[in-house]
N, C-alpha and C. Protein backbone atom coordinates (compact mmCIF):
# COMPACT_ATOMS: atom_id res chain seq x y z
N MET A 1 -182.85 83.17 -147.43
CA MET A 1 -182.17 83.18 -148.71
C MET A 1 -180.65 83.16 -148.53
N LEU A 2 -180.15 83.82 -147.50
CA LEU A 2 -178.70 83.86 -147.31
C LEU A 2 -178.12 82.48 -147.03
N TRP A 3 -178.86 81.60 -146.35
CA TRP A 3 -178.41 80.24 -146.12
C TRP A 3 -178.31 79.48 -147.44
N VAL A 4 -179.30 79.66 -148.28
CA VAL A 4 -179.29 78.98 -149.58
C VAL A 4 -178.12 79.49 -150.42
N LYS A 5 -177.91 80.79 -150.41
CA LYS A 5 -176.80 81.38 -151.17
C LYS A 5 -175.45 80.89 -150.64
N ALA A 6 -175.30 80.84 -149.31
CA ALA A 6 -174.05 80.36 -148.73
C ALA A 6 -173.78 78.91 -149.10
N LEU A 7 -174.81 78.07 -149.00
CA LEU A 7 -174.63 76.66 -149.37
C LEU A 7 -174.35 76.51 -150.86
N HIS A 8 -174.99 77.32 -151.68
CA HIS A 8 -174.72 77.29 -153.12
C HIS A 8 -173.24 77.59 -153.38
N ILE A 9 -172.71 78.60 -152.73
CA ILE A 9 -171.31 78.96 -152.92
C ILE A 9 -170.39 77.82 -152.45
N VAL A 10 -170.70 77.21 -151.33
CA VAL A 10 -169.89 76.09 -150.82
C VAL A 10 -169.89 74.93 -151.80
N PHE A 11 -171.06 74.56 -152.31
CA PHE A 11 -171.12 73.41 -153.21
C PHE A 11 -170.52 73.73 -154.58
N VAL A 12 -170.67 74.96 -155.06
CA VAL A 12 -170.02 75.34 -156.32
C VAL A 12 -168.51 75.28 -156.16
N THR A 13 -168.01 75.82 -155.05
CA THR A 13 -166.57 75.80 -154.79
C THR A 13 -166.05 74.37 -154.72
N SER A 14 -166.79 73.52 -154.05
CA SER A 14 -166.38 72.11 -153.92
C SER A 14 -166.41 71.40 -155.26
N TRP A 15 -167.44 71.67 -156.06
CA TRP A 15 -167.53 71.08 -157.40
C TRP A 15 -166.33 71.51 -158.23
N PHE A 16 -165.99 72.80 -158.16
CA PHE A 16 -164.84 73.29 -158.92
C PHE A 16 -163.54 72.65 -158.47
N ALA A 17 -163.42 72.37 -157.19
CA ALA A 17 -162.21 71.68 -156.73
C ALA A 17 -162.07 70.35 -157.47
N GLY A 18 -163.17 69.64 -157.63
CA GLY A 18 -163.14 68.39 -158.38
C GLY A 18 -162.84 68.61 -159.85
N LEU A 19 -163.43 69.67 -160.43
CA LEU A 19 -163.18 69.98 -161.84
C LEU A 19 -161.73 70.38 -162.08
N PHE A 20 -161.08 70.93 -161.07
CA PHE A 20 -159.66 71.28 -161.19
C PHE A 20 -158.77 70.05 -161.02
N TYR A 21 -159.16 69.14 -160.12
CA TYR A 21 -158.26 68.04 -159.77
C TYR A 21 -158.39 66.82 -160.68
N LEU A 22 -159.59 66.51 -161.13
CA LEU A 22 -159.77 65.31 -161.96
C LEU A 22 -158.91 65.36 -163.23
N PRO A 23 -158.87 66.46 -163.96
CA PRO A 23 -157.98 66.49 -165.13
C PRO A 23 -156.49 66.36 -164.76
N ARG A 24 -156.11 66.77 -163.54
CA ARG A 24 -154.73 66.56 -163.10
C ARG A 24 -154.46 65.06 -162.94
N ILE A 25 -155.45 64.33 -162.48
CA ILE A 25 -155.30 62.87 -162.41
C ILE A 25 -155.16 62.32 -163.83
N PHE A 26 -155.92 62.89 -164.77
CA PHE A 26 -155.80 62.45 -166.17
C PHE A 26 -154.39 62.70 -166.71
N VAL A 27 -153.78 63.84 -166.33
CA VAL A 27 -152.40 64.12 -166.74
C VAL A 27 -151.50 62.99 -166.25
N ASN A 28 -151.66 62.63 -164.98
CA ASN A 28 -150.84 61.55 -164.41
C ASN A 28 -151.12 60.21 -165.08
N LEU A 29 -152.38 59.93 -165.37
CA LEU A 29 -152.73 58.69 -166.07
C LEU A 29 -152.08 58.63 -167.45
N ALA A 30 -152.07 59.77 -168.13
CA ALA A 30 -151.47 59.80 -169.47
C ALA A 30 -149.97 59.60 -169.42
N MET A 31 -149.36 59.82 -168.27
CA MET A 31 -147.91 59.68 -168.13
C MET A 31 -147.49 58.34 -167.54
N VAL A 32 -148.45 57.48 -167.19
CA VAL A 32 -148.11 56.18 -166.59
C VAL A 32 -147.38 55.33 -167.63
N PRO A 33 -146.22 54.77 -167.26
CA PRO A 33 -145.52 53.88 -168.18
C PRO A 33 -146.36 52.65 -168.49
N PRO A 34 -146.24 52.08 -169.70
CA PRO A 34 -147.08 50.96 -170.11
C PRO A 34 -147.12 49.78 -169.15
N GLY A 35 -146.05 49.45 -168.47
CA GLY A 35 -146.04 48.27 -167.60
C GLY A 35 -146.45 48.52 -166.16
N SER A 36 -146.80 49.74 -165.83
CA SER A 36 -147.09 50.09 -164.44
C SER A 36 -148.58 49.95 -164.14
N VAL A 37 -149.03 48.72 -164.02
CA VAL A 37 -150.45 48.41 -163.83
C VAL A 37 -150.96 48.92 -162.49
N ALA A 38 -150.18 48.74 -161.43
CA ALA A 38 -150.63 49.15 -160.09
C ALA A 38 -150.84 50.66 -160.02
N GLU A 39 -149.92 51.42 -160.59
CA GLU A 39 -150.05 52.88 -160.59
C GLU A 39 -151.29 53.31 -161.38
N ARG A 40 -151.48 52.69 -162.53
CA ARG A 40 -152.64 53.01 -163.37
C ARG A 40 -153.95 52.70 -162.63
N GLU A 41 -154.02 51.54 -162.00
CA GLU A 41 -155.23 51.15 -161.27
C GLU A 41 -155.51 52.07 -160.09
N ARG A 42 -154.46 52.49 -159.40
CA ARG A 42 -154.61 53.40 -158.26
C ARG A 42 -155.16 54.74 -158.73
N LEU A 43 -154.62 55.26 -159.82
CA LEU A 43 -155.09 56.54 -160.35
C LEU A 43 -156.53 56.43 -160.88
N LEU A 44 -156.86 55.31 -161.50
CA LEU A 44 -158.23 55.11 -161.97
C LEU A 44 -159.22 55.02 -160.80
N LEU A 45 -158.80 54.37 -159.73
CA LEU A 45 -159.64 54.30 -158.54
C LEU A 45 -159.88 55.69 -157.96
N MET A 46 -158.82 56.47 -157.85
CA MET A 46 -158.93 57.84 -157.35
C MET A 46 -159.84 58.68 -158.25
N ALA A 47 -159.65 58.57 -159.55
CA ALA A 47 -160.44 59.35 -160.50
C ALA A 47 -161.91 58.96 -160.42
N GLY A 48 -162.19 57.68 -160.32
CA GLY A 48 -163.57 57.22 -160.25
C GLY A 48 -164.27 57.71 -159.00
N LYS A 49 -163.59 57.62 -157.86
CA LYS A 49 -164.18 58.10 -156.61
C LYS A 49 -164.40 59.61 -156.65
N LEU A 50 -163.44 60.33 -157.18
CA LEU A 50 -163.57 61.78 -157.27
C LEU A 50 -164.73 62.15 -158.20
N TYR A 51 -164.84 61.48 -159.32
CA TYR A 51 -165.92 61.81 -160.27
C TYR A 51 -167.29 61.58 -159.64
N ARG A 52 -167.46 60.47 -158.94
CA ARG A 52 -168.74 60.22 -158.26
C ARG A 52 -169.02 61.29 -157.21
N PHE A 53 -168.03 61.65 -156.43
CA PHE A 53 -168.20 62.65 -155.37
C PHE A 53 -168.53 64.01 -155.96
N MET A 54 -167.79 64.42 -157.00
CA MET A 54 -168.04 65.74 -157.56
C MET A 54 -169.35 65.80 -158.33
N THR A 55 -169.86 64.67 -158.78
CA THR A 55 -171.18 64.67 -159.42
C THR A 55 -172.25 65.01 -158.40
N GLY A 56 -172.15 64.45 -157.21
CA GLY A 56 -173.08 64.81 -156.14
C GLY A 56 -172.99 66.28 -155.78
N LEU A 57 -171.77 66.79 -155.72
CA LEU A 57 -171.58 68.22 -155.42
C LEU A 57 -172.20 69.09 -156.51
N ALA A 58 -172.05 68.67 -157.77
CA ALA A 58 -172.62 69.43 -158.88
C ALA A 58 -174.14 69.46 -158.79
N VAL A 59 -174.73 68.33 -158.48
CA VAL A 59 -176.20 68.27 -158.36
C VAL A 59 -176.68 69.22 -157.27
N LEU A 60 -176.01 69.21 -156.13
CA LEU A 60 -176.40 70.11 -155.04
C LEU A 60 -176.19 71.58 -155.42
N ALA A 61 -175.08 71.89 -156.06
CA ALA A 61 -174.81 73.26 -156.49
C ALA A 61 -175.87 73.73 -157.48
N LEU A 62 -176.22 72.88 -158.43
CA LEU A 62 -177.22 73.26 -159.42
C LEU A 62 -178.61 73.39 -158.80
N ALA A 63 -178.95 72.49 -157.89
CA ALA A 63 -180.26 72.56 -157.24
C ALA A 63 -180.39 73.84 -156.42
N LEU A 64 -179.35 74.18 -155.68
CA LEU A 64 -179.40 75.41 -154.89
C LEU A 64 -179.41 76.65 -155.78
N GLY A 65 -178.69 76.60 -156.90
CA GLY A 65 -178.73 77.71 -157.85
C GLY A 65 -180.12 77.90 -158.44
N LEU A 66 -180.77 76.79 -158.77
CA LEU A 66 -182.15 76.88 -159.27
C LEU A 66 -183.08 77.44 -158.21
N TRP A 67 -182.87 77.04 -156.97
CA TRP A 67 -183.69 77.54 -155.86
C TRP A 67 -183.53 79.06 -155.74
N LEU A 68 -182.29 79.53 -155.84
CA LEU A 68 -182.07 80.98 -155.78
C LEU A 68 -182.74 81.70 -156.95
N TRP A 69 -182.62 81.12 -158.12
CA TRP A 69 -183.14 81.75 -159.33
C TRP A 69 -184.66 81.74 -159.36
N LEU A 70 -185.23 80.56 -159.17
CA LEU A 70 -186.68 80.41 -159.29
C LEU A 70 -187.42 80.75 -157.98
N GLY A 71 -186.84 80.36 -156.87
CA GLY A 71 -187.51 80.56 -155.59
C GLY A 71 -187.44 81.98 -155.07
N TYR A 72 -186.31 82.64 -155.30
CA TYR A 72 -186.14 83.98 -154.78
C TYR A 72 -186.11 85.04 -155.87
N GLY A 73 -186.16 84.62 -157.12
CA GLY A 73 -186.19 85.57 -158.22
C GLY A 73 -184.89 86.29 -158.48
N ILE A 74 -183.78 85.72 -158.02
CA ILE A 74 -182.49 86.35 -158.28
C ILE A 74 -182.24 86.34 -159.78
N GLY A 75 -181.93 87.49 -160.30
CA GLY A 75 -181.64 87.61 -161.72
C GLY A 75 -182.85 87.90 -162.57
N SER A 76 -184.02 88.04 -161.97
CA SER A 76 -185.21 88.36 -162.78
C SER A 76 -185.35 89.86 -162.88
N GLY A 77 -185.93 90.30 -163.95
CA GLY A 77 -186.13 91.73 -164.17
C GLY A 77 -185.14 92.29 -165.15
N PRO A 78 -185.26 93.58 -165.44
CA PRO A 78 -184.36 94.21 -166.42
C PRO A 78 -182.94 94.36 -165.86
N GLY A 79 -181.98 94.40 -166.76
CA GLY A 79 -180.59 94.59 -166.37
C GLY A 79 -179.93 93.37 -165.77
N ASN A 80 -180.44 92.22 -166.10
CA ASN A 80 -179.87 90.98 -165.55
C ASN A 80 -179.35 90.07 -166.65
N GLY A 81 -178.79 90.66 -167.68
CA GLY A 81 -178.18 89.87 -168.74
C GLY A 81 -177.01 89.04 -168.25
N TRP A 82 -176.40 89.50 -167.15
CA TRP A 82 -175.28 88.76 -166.57
C TRP A 82 -175.70 87.35 -166.19
N LEU A 83 -176.96 87.20 -165.74
CA LEU A 83 -177.41 85.88 -165.32
C LEU A 83 -177.52 84.93 -166.51
N HIS A 84 -177.99 85.45 -167.64
CA HIS A 84 -178.09 84.61 -168.83
C HIS A 84 -176.70 84.16 -169.29
N ALA A 85 -175.74 85.06 -169.21
CA ALA A 85 -174.36 84.70 -169.56
C ALA A 85 -173.82 83.67 -168.58
N LYS A 86 -174.12 83.86 -167.28
CA LYS A 86 -173.67 82.90 -166.27
C LYS A 86 -174.29 81.54 -166.52
N LEU A 87 -175.57 81.50 -166.83
CA LEU A 87 -176.23 80.22 -167.10
C LEU A 87 -175.64 79.53 -168.31
N ALA A 88 -175.23 80.30 -169.31
CA ALA A 88 -174.56 79.70 -170.48
C ALA A 88 -173.25 79.05 -170.06
N ILE A 89 -172.50 79.70 -169.16
CA ILE A 89 -171.26 79.12 -168.67
C ILE A 89 -171.56 77.86 -167.84
N VAL A 90 -172.64 77.88 -167.07
CA VAL A 90 -173.02 76.71 -166.28
C VAL A 90 -173.31 75.53 -167.20
N VAL A 91 -173.97 75.78 -168.31
CA VAL A 91 -174.23 74.71 -169.28
C VAL A 91 -172.90 74.16 -169.82
N LEU A 92 -171.95 75.05 -170.09
CA LEU A 92 -170.62 74.60 -170.54
C LEU A 92 -169.93 73.77 -169.45
N LEU A 93 -170.08 74.19 -168.20
CA LEU A 93 -169.48 73.43 -167.10
C LEU A 93 -170.09 72.04 -166.96
N ILE A 94 -171.39 71.95 -167.14
CA ILE A 94 -172.05 70.64 -167.09
C ILE A 94 -171.50 69.77 -168.23
N GLY A 95 -171.33 70.35 -169.41
CA GLY A 95 -170.74 69.61 -170.53
C GLY A 95 -169.30 69.19 -170.24
N TYR A 96 -168.55 70.07 -169.61
CA TYR A 96 -167.16 69.74 -169.24
C TYR A 96 -167.15 68.59 -168.24
N HIS A 97 -168.04 68.65 -167.26
CA HIS A 97 -168.15 67.58 -166.26
C HIS A 97 -168.47 66.25 -166.94
N HIS A 98 -169.44 66.28 -167.83
CA HIS A 98 -169.81 65.07 -168.58
C HIS A 98 -168.63 64.59 -169.42
N GLY A 99 -167.92 65.52 -170.04
CA GLY A 99 -166.74 65.16 -170.83
C GLY A 99 -165.67 64.48 -169.99
N CYS A 100 -165.51 64.94 -168.75
CA CYS A 100 -164.56 64.28 -167.84
C CYS A 100 -164.99 62.83 -167.59
N GLY A 101 -166.29 62.62 -167.44
CA GLY A 101 -166.79 61.25 -167.25
C GLY A 101 -166.51 60.38 -168.46
N ARG A 102 -166.68 60.93 -169.64
CA ARG A 102 -166.39 60.16 -170.85
C ARG A 102 -164.90 59.84 -170.96
N LEU A 103 -164.06 60.82 -170.62
CA LEU A 103 -162.62 60.57 -170.66
C LEU A 103 -162.22 59.49 -169.65
N LEU A 104 -162.84 59.50 -168.48
CA LEU A 104 -162.57 58.48 -167.47
C LEU A 104 -162.94 57.10 -168.00
N LYS A 105 -164.08 56.99 -168.67
CA LYS A 105 -164.47 55.70 -169.26
C LYS A 105 -163.45 55.24 -170.29
N ARG A 106 -162.94 56.17 -171.07
CA ARG A 106 -161.93 55.81 -172.07
C ARG A 106 -160.64 55.34 -171.42
N PHE A 107 -160.24 56.01 -170.34
CA PHE A 107 -159.05 55.55 -169.61
C PHE A 107 -159.26 54.15 -169.06
N ARG A 108 -160.45 53.91 -168.49
CA ARG A 108 -160.74 52.58 -167.93
C ARG A 108 -160.68 51.51 -169.01
N ALA A 109 -161.13 51.86 -170.21
CA ALA A 109 -161.15 50.90 -171.32
C ALA A 109 -159.79 50.80 -172.02
N GLY A 110 -158.84 51.62 -171.59
CA GLY A 110 -157.52 51.62 -172.22
C GLY A 110 -157.52 52.27 -173.58
N GLU A 111 -158.47 53.18 -173.81
CA GLU A 111 -158.62 53.83 -175.12
C GLU A 111 -158.27 55.31 -175.09
N ALA A 112 -157.55 55.75 -174.10
CA ALA A 112 -157.19 57.18 -174.02
C ALA A 112 -156.28 57.53 -175.18
N THR A 113 -156.64 58.55 -175.92
CA THR A 113 -155.88 58.91 -177.12
C THR A 113 -155.11 60.21 -176.98
N HIS A 114 -155.26 60.90 -175.86
CA HIS A 114 -154.58 62.18 -175.68
C HIS A 114 -153.37 62.01 -174.77
N GLY A 115 -152.37 62.86 -175.03
CA GLY A 115 -151.18 62.86 -174.20
C GLY A 115 -151.33 63.79 -173.01
N HIS A 116 -150.32 63.77 -172.15
CA HIS A 116 -150.39 64.58 -170.93
C HIS A 116 -150.44 66.08 -171.22
N ARG A 117 -149.84 66.53 -172.30
CA ARG A 117 -149.91 67.97 -172.64
C ARG A 117 -151.33 68.39 -172.97
N TRP A 118 -152.04 67.56 -173.69
CA TRP A 118 -153.44 67.87 -174.02
C TRP A 118 -154.25 68.00 -172.73
N PHE A 119 -154.05 67.09 -171.79
CA PHE A 119 -154.79 67.15 -170.53
C PHE A 119 -154.40 68.36 -169.69
N ARG A 120 -153.17 68.81 -169.81
CA ARG A 120 -152.77 70.03 -169.10
C ARG A 120 -153.56 71.23 -169.62
N TRP A 121 -153.74 71.30 -170.92
CA TRP A 121 -154.54 72.39 -171.50
C TRP A 121 -156.02 72.20 -171.17
N PHE A 122 -156.49 70.98 -171.24
CA PHE A 122 -157.89 70.67 -170.90
C PHE A 122 -158.20 71.12 -169.47
N ASN A 123 -157.23 71.02 -168.59
CA ASN A 123 -157.38 71.39 -167.20
C ASN A 123 -157.59 72.90 -167.01
N GLU A 124 -157.22 73.69 -167.99
CA GLU A 124 -157.35 75.15 -167.84
C GLU A 124 -158.76 75.66 -168.09
N ALA A 125 -159.60 74.90 -168.76
CA ALA A 125 -160.95 75.36 -169.11
C ALA A 125 -161.79 75.75 -167.90
N PRO A 126 -161.85 74.93 -166.83
CA PRO A 126 -162.68 75.35 -165.70
C PRO A 126 -162.14 76.59 -164.99
N VAL A 127 -160.83 76.81 -165.05
CA VAL A 127 -160.25 78.01 -164.44
C VAL A 127 -160.79 79.25 -165.16
N LEU A 128 -160.79 79.20 -166.47
CA LEU A 128 -161.28 80.34 -167.25
C LEU A 128 -162.78 80.54 -167.05
N MET A 129 -163.53 79.44 -166.99
CA MET A 129 -164.98 79.56 -166.78
C MET A 129 -165.28 80.12 -165.40
N LEU A 130 -164.53 79.72 -164.39
CA LEU A 130 -164.73 80.26 -163.05
C LEU A 130 -164.44 81.75 -163.03
N LEU A 131 -163.39 82.16 -163.68
CA LEU A 131 -163.04 83.59 -163.76
C LEU A 131 -164.19 84.39 -164.35
N VAL A 132 -164.75 83.91 -165.45
CA VAL A 132 -165.85 84.61 -166.11
C VAL A 132 -167.09 84.65 -165.22
N VAL A 133 -167.42 83.53 -164.59
CA VAL A 133 -168.61 83.47 -163.74
C VAL A 133 -168.47 84.43 -162.56
N VAL A 134 -167.33 84.45 -161.91
CA VAL A 134 -167.14 85.34 -160.77
C VAL A 134 -167.27 86.79 -161.21
N ILE A 135 -166.69 87.15 -162.33
CA ILE A 135 -166.81 88.53 -162.84
C ILE A 135 -168.26 88.85 -163.14
N LEU A 136 -168.97 87.92 -163.78
CA LEU A 136 -170.38 88.17 -164.09
C LEU A 136 -171.22 88.37 -162.83
N VAL A 137 -170.99 87.55 -161.81
CA VAL A 137 -171.81 87.61 -160.60
C VAL A 137 -171.48 88.83 -159.75
N VAL A 138 -170.20 89.17 -159.66
CA VAL A 138 -169.80 90.28 -158.79
C VAL A 138 -169.95 91.63 -159.49
N VAL A 139 -169.47 91.74 -160.72
CA VAL A 139 -169.47 93.02 -161.43
C VAL A 139 -170.82 93.28 -162.10
N LYS A 140 -171.50 92.23 -162.55
CA LYS A 140 -172.78 92.35 -163.26
C LYS A 140 -172.65 93.40 -164.39
N PRO A 141 -171.78 93.11 -165.37
CA PRO A 141 -171.48 94.12 -166.39
C PRO A 141 -172.64 94.46 -167.32
N PHE A 142 -173.66 93.66 -167.37
CA PHE A 142 -174.82 93.95 -168.23
C PHE A 142 -176.04 93.28 -167.70
């Protein structure tokens, strides 16, 4: 079980690195001057590669988390409300990940409607979700 838990932590951490960095690329894309095609294409290439890579990391993190939950019974029994709260945050993270993919498609199509300030705030969501998840897992407040 400790190997599965260690790998789960590694893949979650790696997925979060992507969730932190992809919106930063969106900030830069939103700031590209209209005539700078090469810069825009380079950032889109980077964003696309990162999104594909972090999707694989997310799948592995989620699969290992399910293995811990279902295979080893982590979080089962009384006094494990923290796990239900954590799972709710995981669902939000999956939605955030999907939302990043939709935003990337809009950038590729030239339909991005948000400015760089919006993306700077958008970038803060995974930081807050990570904070809550770590507190839930370590402190287990309920």
